[in-house]
C-alpha cells in the first residue's frame, strides 16, 4: 500500500526533496579532527539528526511517514520525564531591541543504550528501549538563531553528585530514577541550564538502519581486531550491519576503553549521516520511510518529541545548517581515576559550569571551538 502511494506521489515529492537537498549538496559535511579530548559523538546524536533530517525532507509531504514514526516511537511517561519545576534552573534570556526576552535555544539530552553495553546487568535501565544500559550521554545545543548545532558528549563514567543518591557515575542517574527525570535533574544541576527535550535510541535500531541502507562506509580511525574476529583497518571500510555493530561495541581491544570506542562511534555516525544525506536517499521516499520505520521502535522520547509535526518544525528551522555548522566535542574531564574499587572518569566541575555559562551567554559555539 505504501509503495503504491509513493508511486502516486513521487513526481511531487522528488522535486521538493531535490530543492531541499540542493541547499547542502555543494557543502560536503566537514569531519572535525579529534584534538586531544575531542574524540566523541555518540550513536544517539546521529539518531536524532537523522530523524530531524528525514522528517524535514519527507515528513511534511508523506502522511504515512508521520504515521510510521508516531505509531512506533516509544514515549517516556510524562510524569517522569522532567523534575519538578521548582527544582529546575531558569530558562536563558537574551537582549533584543533593548529588552530582556526568553532565549529560544533548545537543549536536548541524548541517551544511547545497548543491551550489550555497560558493566553488567545491574546497569539495565527498564524504561530505555529494550531495557538496555546507558552507553552514551550527550547534550545537544541548538542556538536561538538556528545557524548551528553543538553536540557535547559527557563520558558515561564521570563521577558526579546524583541528587538524593550521593556520588556515582553519571549514567547511574538513568537507572536510579524513574524515567529520565533524575538524569535531567543531575545534568541541570551541573550545567545550570534547563533541558528542553529527552531522546534515547538503542543500538539495535542502528543495526536495522544499516541493513535498510544496504551497508555503510566508515572511515576507521585506528586498526584493530574485534573480539568477534573482524579486522578493521585504518581508512574507509565497507561494513554490513553485523560488522558495524562489532565496530562500535568493541572496547576490550583498547587500553583506554571508552575513549577509543566513542571515537569509533563518531566515525560510524559520520558514515551513516554521509549515506543518509545524499540525493539518492533524500529523493527516495520509500527508503526514507523504511529507515524511519526501522529506527522509531528503538527510540524513546518525551511527549513533545513524539509529535512528528513538532519534530518537522525543528528540522525546518535548521534547514540552512551545513555539515561544517555541526560542532562535536567532549566535555573536558580530568581523565581516568578510581572511586573505591570502581574505575571512573574524574569530573571537571569547572568545565560543567563554563559550558552552562557559555549557553546562557549565547557563545556556546565558541566554547565548542575551544574544547
Protein backbone atom coordinates (compact mmCIF):
# COMPACT_ATOMS: atom_id res chain seq x y z
CA UNK A 1 0.00 0.00 0.00
CA UNK A 2 2.80 2.40 0.91
CA UNK A 3 4.71 1.65 -2.29
CA UNK A 4 1.61 2.46 -4.34
CA UNK A 5 1.29 5.79 -2.54
CA UNK A 6 4.96 6.51 -3.23
CA UNK A 7 4.49 5.86 -6.94
CA UNK A 8 1.47 8.15 -7.00
CA UNK A 9 3.24 11.00 -5.20
CA UNK A 10 6.82 10.64 -6.37
CA UNK A 11 6.55 13.26 -9.11
CA UNK A 12 5.59 15.83 -6.48
CA UNK A 13 7.88 14.68 -3.71
CA UNK A 14 11.13 14.24 -5.59
CA UNK A 15 11.42 17.81 -6.97
CA UNK A 16 10.73 19.17 -3.50
CA UNK A 17 13.34 16.99 -1.86
CA UNK A 18 15.86 17.81 -4.56
CA UNK A 19 15.29 21.51 -3.82
CA UNK A 20 15.85 20.95 -0.12
CA UNK A 21 18.94 18.88 -0.78
CA UNK A 22 20.39 21.44 -3.15
CA UNK A 23 20.91 23.72 -0.19
CA UNK A 24 23.55 21.36 1.19
CA UNK A 25 24.75 19.37 -1.81
CA UNK A 26 27.73 21.60 -2.55
CA UNK A 27 28.94 21.61 1.01
CA UNK A 28 30.44 18.28 1.99
CA UNK A 29 29.99 17.56 5.73
CA UNK A 30 33.17 18.57 7.48
CA UNK A 31 34.72 15.92 9.74
CA UNK A 32 36.21 17.86 12.58
CA UNK A 33 39.56 16.48 13.65
CA UNK A 34 39.84 14.99 17.13
CA UNK A 35 42.09 17.33 19.05
CA UNK A 36 43.09 15.54 22.20
CA UNK A 37 39.90 15.32 24.17
CA UNK A 38 37.67 15.99 21.15
CA UNK A 39 37.05 12.34 20.28
CA UNK A 40 33.37 11.84 20.59
CA UNK A 41 29.97 11.84 19.19
CA UNK A 42 27.73 9.09 20.50
CA UNK A 43 25.36 6.97 18.50
CA UNK A 44 22.25 8.74 19.83
CA UNK A 45 23.31 12.11 18.31
CA UNK A 46 23.25 10.59 14.88
CA UNK A 47 19.84 9.08 15.55
CA UNK A 48 18.26 12.42 16.30
CA UNK A 49 19.96 14.25 13.44
CA UNK A 50 18.76 11.51 11.09
CA UNK A 51 15.24 11.77 12.44
CA UNK A 52 15.17 15.55 12.03
CA UNK A 53 16.59 15.40 8.53
CA UNK A 54 14.24 12.64 7.37
CA UNK A 55 11.23 14.43 8.79
CA UNK A 56 12.20 17.72 7.14
CA UNK A 57 12.65 16.13 3.75
CA UNK A 58 9.68 13.80 3.59
CA UNK A 59 7.50 14.07 6.70
CA UNK A 60 5.69 17.18 5.52
CA UNK A 61 4.72 15.57 2.24
CA UNK A 62 4.06 11.95 3.15
CA UNK A 63 1.49 11.30 5.87
CA UNK A 64 2.47 7.66 6.04
CA UNK A 65 5.93 8.66 7.27
CA UNK A 66 4.42 10.63 10.14
CA UNK A 67 2.18 7.71 10.97
CA UNK A 68 5.09 5.26 10.90
CA UNK A 69 7.03 7.43 13.37
CA UNK A 70 4.22 8.33 15.75
CA UNK A 71 2.82 4.79 15.92
CA UNK A 72 6.22 3.17 16.56
CA UNK A 73 8.23 5.57 18.74
CA UNK A 74 8.17 4.97 22.49
CA UNK A 75 7.07 7.85 24.72
CA UNK A 76 8.63 8.43 28.13
CA UNK A 77 5.96 8.77 30.81
CA UNK A 78 5.20 12.48 31.05
CA UNK A 79 5.21 12.47 34.86
CA UNK A 80 8.74 11.05 34.98
CA UNK A 81 10.42 12.89 32.09
CA UNK A 82 11.45 16.06 33.93
CA UNK A 83 11.96 17.02 37.60
CA UNK A 84 9.59 19.35 39.44
CA UNK A 85 9.63 22.89 38.05
CA UNK A 86 10.63 24.37 41.40
CA UNK A 87 13.89 22.40 41.29
CA UNK A 88 14.92 23.44 37.78
CA UNK A 89 17.18 26.26 36.51
CA UNK A 90 15.57 29.32 34.94
CA UNK A 91 15.48 29.49 31.16
CA UNK A 92 18.23 31.57 29.50
CA UNK A 93 17.36 35.06 28.29
CA UNK A 94 18.91 37.43 25.79
CA UNK A 95 18.67 41.11 24.95
CA UNK A 96 16.61 42.09 21.93
CA UNK A 97 15.89 45.72 20.99
CA UNK A 98 16.93 46.81 24.45
CA UNK A 99 14.61 44.33 26.20
CA UNK A 100 15.29 41.07 28.03
CA UNK A 101 13.45 38.24 26.25
CA UNK A 102 13.39 34.45 26.58
CA UNK A 103 16.12 32.81 24.55
CA UNK A 104 14.66 30.32 22.04
CA UNK A 105 17.64 27.96 22.27
CA UNK A 106 16.88 24.23 22.52
CA UNK A 107 18.82 21.86 24.77
CA UNK A 108 18.25 18.15 24.30
CA UNK A 109 19.56 15.33 26.49
CA UNK A 110 20.57 12.47 24.19
CA UNK A 111 20.98 8.97 25.60
CA UNK A 112 22.34 5.96 23.76
CA UNK A 113 21.63 2.48 25.12
CA UNK A 114 22.82 -1.03 24.32
CA UNK A 115 21.76 -4.36 25.80
CA UNK A 116 25.41 -5.40 25.49
CA UNK A 117 26.85 -2.21 26.92
CA UNK A 118 27.75 -1.12 30.42
CA UNK A 119 29.48 -3.20 33.05
CA UNK A 120 26.76 -5.68 33.97
CA UNK A 121 23.05 -6.39 34.32
CA UNK A 122 22.78 -4.12 37.36
CA UNK A 123 23.12 -1.21 34.91
CA UNK A 124 20.00 -2.19 32.94
CA UNK A 125 17.55 0.70 32.61
CA UNK A 126 13.95 -0.64 32.37
CA UNK A 127 12.50 2.46 30.71
CA UNK A 128 15.07 2.53 27.89
CA UNK A 129 14.17 0.75 24.62
CA UNK A 130 14.80 -2.99 25.03
CA UNK A 131 15.77 -2.30 28.68
CA UNK A 132 19.33 -1.57 27.64
CA UNK A 133 22.18 0.08 29.51
CA UNK A 134 23.06 3.73 29.11
CA UNK A 135 26.14 3.75 26.89
CA UNK A 136 26.27 7.35 25.72
CA UNK A 137 25.16 10.66 27.25
CA UNK A 138 25.25 13.81 25.15
CA UNK A 139 23.98 17.36 25.37
CA UNK A 140 22.66 18.75 22.08
CA UNK A 141 22.51 22.55 21.91
CA UNK A 142 20.61 24.39 19.17
CA UNK A 143 21.07 28.20 19.47
CA UNK A 144 18.12 30.56 19.05
CA UNK A 145 19.12 31.66 15.55
CA UNK A 146 19.27 28.01 14.35
CA UNK A 147 22.50 28.52 12.43
CA UNK A 148 24.48 25.67 14.02
CA UNK A 149 24.29 22.63 16.31
CA UNK A 150 26.69 21.75 19.12
CA UNK A 151 26.92 18.13 20.33
CA UNK A 152 28.76 17.72 23.63
CA UNK A 153 29.47 14.24 24.94
CA UNK A 154 29.64 13.59 28.68
CA UNK A 155 31.64 10.45 29.44
CA UNK A 156 29.22 7.95 30.99
CA UNK A 157 31.62 7.03 33.84
CA UNK A 158 32.03 10.65 35.00
CA UNK A 159 31.79 10.67 38.81
CA UNK A 160 29.27 13.31 39.90
CA UNK A 161 26.67 14.01 42.61
CA UNK A 162 23.33 12.30 41.88
CA UNK A 163 20.51 14.17 43.70
CA UNK A 164 19.33 12.06 46.62
CA UNK A 165 21.87 9.28 45.98
CA UNK A 166 25.30 10.66 46.82
CA UNK A 167 28.10 10.40 44.27
CA UNK A 168 28.11 7.89 41.40
CA UNK A 169 28.83 7.53 37.69
CA UNK A 170 26.60 9.89 35.76
CA UNK A 171 24.89 7.08 33.86
CA UNK A 172 23.65 5.74 37.21
CA UNK A 173 21.21 8.66 37.19
CA UNK A 174 19.32 6.76 34.49
CA UNK A 175 18.94 3.50 36.41
CA UNK A 176 18.38 5.01 39.87
CA UNK A 177 15.49 7.21 38.76
CA UNK A 178 12.06 6.57 37.30
CA UNK A 179 12.13 7.61 33.69
CA UNK A 180 14.57 10.37 32.73
CA UNK A 181 13.74 12.86 35.48
CA UNK A 182 16.73 12.05 37.73
CA UNK A 183 19.17 12.16 34.80
CA UNK A 184 17.72 15.51 33.73
CA UNK A 185 17.99 16.85 37.28
CA UNK A 186 21.60 15.64 37.52
CA UNK A 187 22.82 17.38 34.35
CA UNK A 188 20.75 20.50 35.01
CA UNK A 189 22.33 20.86 38.46
CA UNK A 190 25.78 20.57 36.88
CA UNK A 191 25.14 22.86 33.91
CA UNK A 192 22.74 25.40 35.39
CA UNK A 193 20.67 25.26 32.18
CA UNK A 194 17.29 23.51 31.73
CA UNK A 195 16.85 20.53 29.40
CA UNK A 196 14.03 21.02 26.89
CA UNK A 197 13.78 17.52 25.47
CA UNK A 198 14.96 13.94 26.04
CA UNK A 199 15.62 11.38 23.30
CA UNK A 200 17.08 7.88 23.54
CA UNK A 201 17.91 5.19 20.99
CA UNK A 202 19.29 1.68 21.32
CA UNK A 203 21.98 0.08 19.20
CA UNK A 204 19.65 -2.48 17.62
CA UNK A 205 17.89 0.40 15.90
CA UNK A 206 21.13 1.42 14.23
CA UNK A 207 21.78 -2.15 13.19
CA UNK A 208 18.39 -2.19 11.45
CA UNK A 209 19.17 1.20 9.92
CA UNK A 210 22.44 -0.02 8.39
CA UNK A 211 20.55 -3.01 6.96
CA UNK A 212 17.99 -0.66 5.40
CA UNK A 213 20.87 1.28 3.80
CA UNK A 214 22.48 -1.95 2.48
CA UNK A 215 25.61 -1.24 4.49
CA UNK A 216 27.70 1.80 5.38
CA UNK A 217 31.22 3.05 4.65
CA UNK A 218 33.11 4.07 7.79
CA UNK A 219 36.43 5.91 7.98
CA UNK A 220 38.12 3.72 10.63
CA UNK A 221 40.38 5.87 12.88
CA UNK A 222 42.68 3.08 14.15
CA UNK A 223 43.31 -0.51 13.05
CA UNK A 224 42.22 -3.30 15.41
CA UNK A 225 40.65 -6.76 15.52
CA UNK A 226 37.40 -7.13 17.44
CA UNK A 227 36.52 -10.00 19.77
CA UNK A 228 34.09 -11.14 17.06
CA UNK A 229 37.01 -11.69 14.71
CA UNK A 230 36.50 -8.72 12.40
CA UNK A 231 39.63 -6.96 11.14
CA UNK A 232 39.28 -3.19 10.95
CA UNK A 233 41.96 -1.31 9.02
CA UNK A 234 42.51 2.42 9.34
CA UNK A 235 40.76 4.25 6.50
CA UNK A 236 37.45 3.84 4.65
CA UNK A 237 35.90 0.40 5.08
CA UNK A 238 32.56 -1.00 3.90
CA UNK A 239 30.56 -2.63 6.70
CA UNK A 240 27.33 -4.60 6.85
CA UNK A 241 25.09 -4.27 9.90
CA UNK A 242 26.73 -7.07 11.92
CA UNK A 243 30.25 -5.81 11.25
CA UNK A 244 29.23 -2.23 12.08
CA UNK A 245 27.83 -3.29 15.45
CA UNK A 246 31.04 -5.15 16.26
CA UNK A 247 32.96 -1.97 15.37
CA UNK A 248 31.01 0.38 17.66
CA UNK A 249 30.65 -2.05 20.58
CA UNK A 250 34.31 -3.09 20.87
CA UNK A 251 36.12 -1.76 23.92
CA UNK A 252 38.38 -4.53 25.28
CA UNK A 253 40.83 -4.14 22.41
CA UNK A 254 41.77 -0.67 23.60
CA UNK A 255 43.89 0.33 26.58
CA UNK A 256 41.85 3.50 27.07
CA UNK A 257 38.49 1.67 26.94
CA UNK A 258 35.61 4.01 26.26
CA UNK A 259 37.70 6.82 24.78
CA UNK A 260 38.62 4.89 21.63
CA UNK A 261 35.23 3.22 21.43
CA UNK A 262 33.49 6.62 21.43
CA UNK A 263 35.86 7.78 18.70
CA UNK A 264 34.80 4.73 16.68
CA UNK A 265 31.16 5.57 17.31
CA UNK A 266 31.85 9.05 15.96
CA UNK A 267 33.29 7.59 12.78
CA UNK A 268 30.32 5.24 12.44
CA UNK A 269 27.74 8.01 12.84
CA UNK A 270 29.62 10.18 10.34
CA UNK A 271 29.43 7.31 7.86
CA UNK A 272 25.70 6.85 8.45
CA UNK A 273 24.97 10.54 8.02
CA UNK A 274 27.11 10.73 4.88
CA UNK A 275 24.99 7.95 3.39
CA UNK A 276 21.67 9.41 4.53
CA UNK A 277 22.44 12.95 3.35
CA UNK A 278 22.78 12.03 -0.32
CA UNK A 279 20.48 12.91 -3.18
CA UNK A 280 19.78 9.22 -3.87
CA UNK A 281 18.47 8.77 -0.32
CA UNK A 282 16.69 12.07 0.17
CA UNK A 283 14.77 11.72 -3.10
CA UNK A 284 13.69 8.15 -2.31
CA UNK A 285 10.58 8.35 -0.10
CA UNK A 286 10.29 4.57 0.20
CA UNK A 287 13.84 4.32 1.55
CA UNK A 288 13.30 7.17 3.99
CA UNK A 289 10.09 5.51 5.18
CA UNK A 290 11.95 2.23 5.75
CA UNK A 291 14.73 3.93 7.69
CA UNK A 292 12.39 5.86 9.98
CA UNK A 293 10.19 2.78 10.46
CA UNK A 294 13.23 0.71 11.43
CA UNK A 295 14.63 3.32 13.82
CA UNK A 296 11.49 4.64 15.57
CA UNK A 297 10.64 1.47 17.58
CA UNK A 298 14.09 1.67 19.15
CA UNK A 299 13.64 5.27 20.30
CA UNK A 300 12.07 6.70 23.46
CA UNK A 301 11.35 10.44 23.54
CA UNK A 302 9.45 12.99 25.58
CA UNK A 303 5.81 13.57 24.69
CA UNK A 304 6.51 16.67 22.58
CA UNK A 305 9.23 14.97 20.52
CA UNK A 306 6.75 12.15 19.92
CA UNK A 307 4.76 14.50 17.69
CA UNK A 308 6.03 14.25 14.12
CA UNK A 309 4.79 17.75 13.32
CA UNK A 310 6.85 19.28 16.12
CA UNK A 311 9.97 17.40 15.04
CA UNK A 312 9.40 18.55 11.47
CA UNK A 313 9.20 22.17 12.65
CA UNK A 314 12.58 21.83 14.36
CA UNK A 315 14.04 20.27 11.24
CA UNK A 316 12.71 23.04 9.01
CA UNK A 317 14.19 25.69 11.32
CA UNK A 318 17.59 24.01 10.79
CA UNK A 319 17.31 23.80 7.01
CA UNK A 320 20.30 26.13 6.43
CA UNK A 321 22.68 24.24 8.74
CA UNK A 322 25.57 22.64 6.82
CA UNK A 323 27.95 19.88 7.85
CA UNK A 324 30.54 22.42 8.94
CA UNK A 325 27.97 24.03 11.24
CA UNK A 326 27.68 20.88 13.40
CA UNK A 327 30.31 21.01 16.15
CA UNK A 328 31.16 17.84 18.09
CA UNK A 329 33.31 17.61 21.18
CA UNK A 330 33.70 16.01 24.60
CA UNK A 331 33.14 17.95 27.81
CA UNK A 332 36.61 18.32 29.37
CA UNK A 333 37.42 15.97 32.25
CA UNK A 334 40.42 15.07 34.39
CA UNK A 335 40.95 11.60 32.93
CA UNK A 336 40.61 8.14 34.42
CA UNK A 337 40.69 7.62 38.20
CA UNK A 338 39.15 5.44 40.89
CA UNK A 339 36.41 5.77 43.49
CA UNK A 340 36.75 2.90 45.91
CA UNK A 341 37.02 -0.18 43.71
CA UNK A 342 35.41 1.49 40.68
CA UNK A 343 37.21 2.85 37.66
CA UNK A 344 35.78 6.28 36.87
CA UNK A 345 36.26 9.40 34.79
CA UNK A 346 37.20 12.28 37.10
CA UNK A 347 34.81 15.19 36.60
CA UNK A 348 35.98 18.71 35.79
CA UNK A 349 33.22 20.66 37.55
CA UNK A 350 34.60 23.97 36.29
CA UNK A 351 34.00 22.67 32.77
CA UNK A 352 30.34 21.96 33.55
CA UNK A 353 29.95 25.50 34.91
CA UNK A 354 31.77 27.12 31.99
CA UNK A 355 29.71 25.18 29.45
CA UNK A 356 26.48 26.25 31.10
CA UNK A 357 27.56 29.89 31.26
CA UNK A 358 28.51 29.79 27.58
CA UNK A 359 25.00 28.59 26.71
CA UNK A 360 23.35 31.27 28.79
CA UNK A 361 25.51 33.96 27.21
CA UNK A 362 24.92 32.77 23.64
CA UNK A 363 28.52 31.78 22.95
CA UNK A 364 28.41 28.01 23.17
CA UNK A 365 29.74 27.65 19.63
CA UNK A 366 32.90 29.47 20.70
CA UNK A 367 33.15 27.20 23.76
CA UNK A 368 32.89 24.15 21.50
CA UNK A 369 35.68 25.51 19.28
CA UNK A 370 37.93 25.99 22.30
CA UNK A 371 37.40 22.43 23.53
